[in-house]
Amino acid sequence: MKFDEVTTAVAFLVLLAIVLGGTLTSGMPQTISMMVSGGLVVFGVLVLALGVKHGEHRASR
């Protein structure tokens, strides 16, 4: 399967929506849930950027 920018963005947003939906509907207080959600978004973006760079490195070899 080839991943272009659109496919990657859609997959990332779907996975992020699932994780955030589970976090926000859990039994945690709202303030803690929002802090955890912010951390999840930052972590997701960093992991996505790292994965893209790793894929570029492997494709160039």
Protein backbone atom coordinates (compact mmCIF):
# COMPACT_ATOMS: atom_id res chain seq x y z
CA MET A 1 0.00 0.00 0.00
CA LYS A 2 1.38 3.39 -0.96
CA PHE A 3 0.94 6.25 1.46
CA ASP A 4 0.71 9.75 0.09
CA GLU A 5 0.00 12.88 2.11
CA VAL A 6 -3.78 12.51 1.97
CA THR A 7 -3.81 8.82 2.97
CA THR A 8 -1.39 9.47 5.81
CA ALA A 9 -3.38 12.46 7.09
CA VAL A 10 -6.69 10.58 6.99
CA ALA A 11 -5.22 7.53 8.76
CA PHE A 12 -3.62 9.75 11.39
CA LEU A 13 -6.82 11.71 12.02
CA VAL A 14 -8.95 8.56 12.26
CA LEU A 15 -6.58 6.97 14.78
CA LEU A 16 -6.33 10.22 16.73
CA ALA A 17 -10.13 10.56 16.82
CA ILE A 18 -10.47 7.01 18.19
CA VAL A 19 -7.87 7.60 20.90
CA LEU A 20 -9.23 11.01 21.86
CA GLY A 21 -12.79 9.70 21.87
CA GLY A 22 -11.83 6.95 24.27
CA THR A 23 -9.94 9.37 26.47
CA LEU A 24 -12.72 11.94 26.60
CA THR A 25 -15.44 9.34 27.34
CA SER A 26 -13.47 7.63 30.10
CA GLY A 27 -14.27 8.16 33.75
CA MET A 28 -11.49 10.69 34.30
CA PRO A 29 -12.35 14.22 35.40
CA GLN A 30 -12.69 16.65 32.48
CA THR A 31 -9.57 18.68 33.34
CA ILE A 32 -7.32 15.62 33.50
CA SER A 33 -8.87 14.22 30.33
CA MET A 34 -8.13 17.45 28.44
CA MET A 35 -4.50 17.49 29.64
CA VAL A 36 -4.02 13.86 28.59
CA SER A 37 -5.63 14.60 25.20
CA GLY A 38 -3.19 17.46 24.58
CA GLY A 39 -0.27 15.17 25.33
CA LEU A 40 -1.67 12.51 23.01
CA VAL A 41 -1.92 14.99 20.15
CA VAL A 42 1.66 16.19 20.65
CA PHE A 43 2.95 12.62 20.93
CA GLY A 44 1.02 11.57 17.81
CA VAL A 45 2.41 14.42 15.73
CA LEU A 46 5.98 13.67 16.88
CA VAL A 47 5.64 9.95 16.13
CA LEU A 48 4.11 10.70 12.72
CA ALA A 49 6.98 13.05 11.85
CA LEU A 50 9.55 10.48 13.00
CA GLY A 51 7.85 7.74 11.00
CA VAL A 52 7.76 9.85 7.85
CA LYS A 53 11.46 10.68 8.18
CA HIS A 54 12.28 7.01 8.76
CA GLY A 55 10.28 6.05 5.67
CA GLU A 56 12.10 8.66 3.61
CA HIS A 57 15.44 7.34 4.85
CA ARG A 58 14.55 3.73 4.00
CA ALA A 59 13.21 4.70 0.58
CA SER A 60 16.43 6.51 -0.30
CA ARG A 61 18.65 3.51 0.41
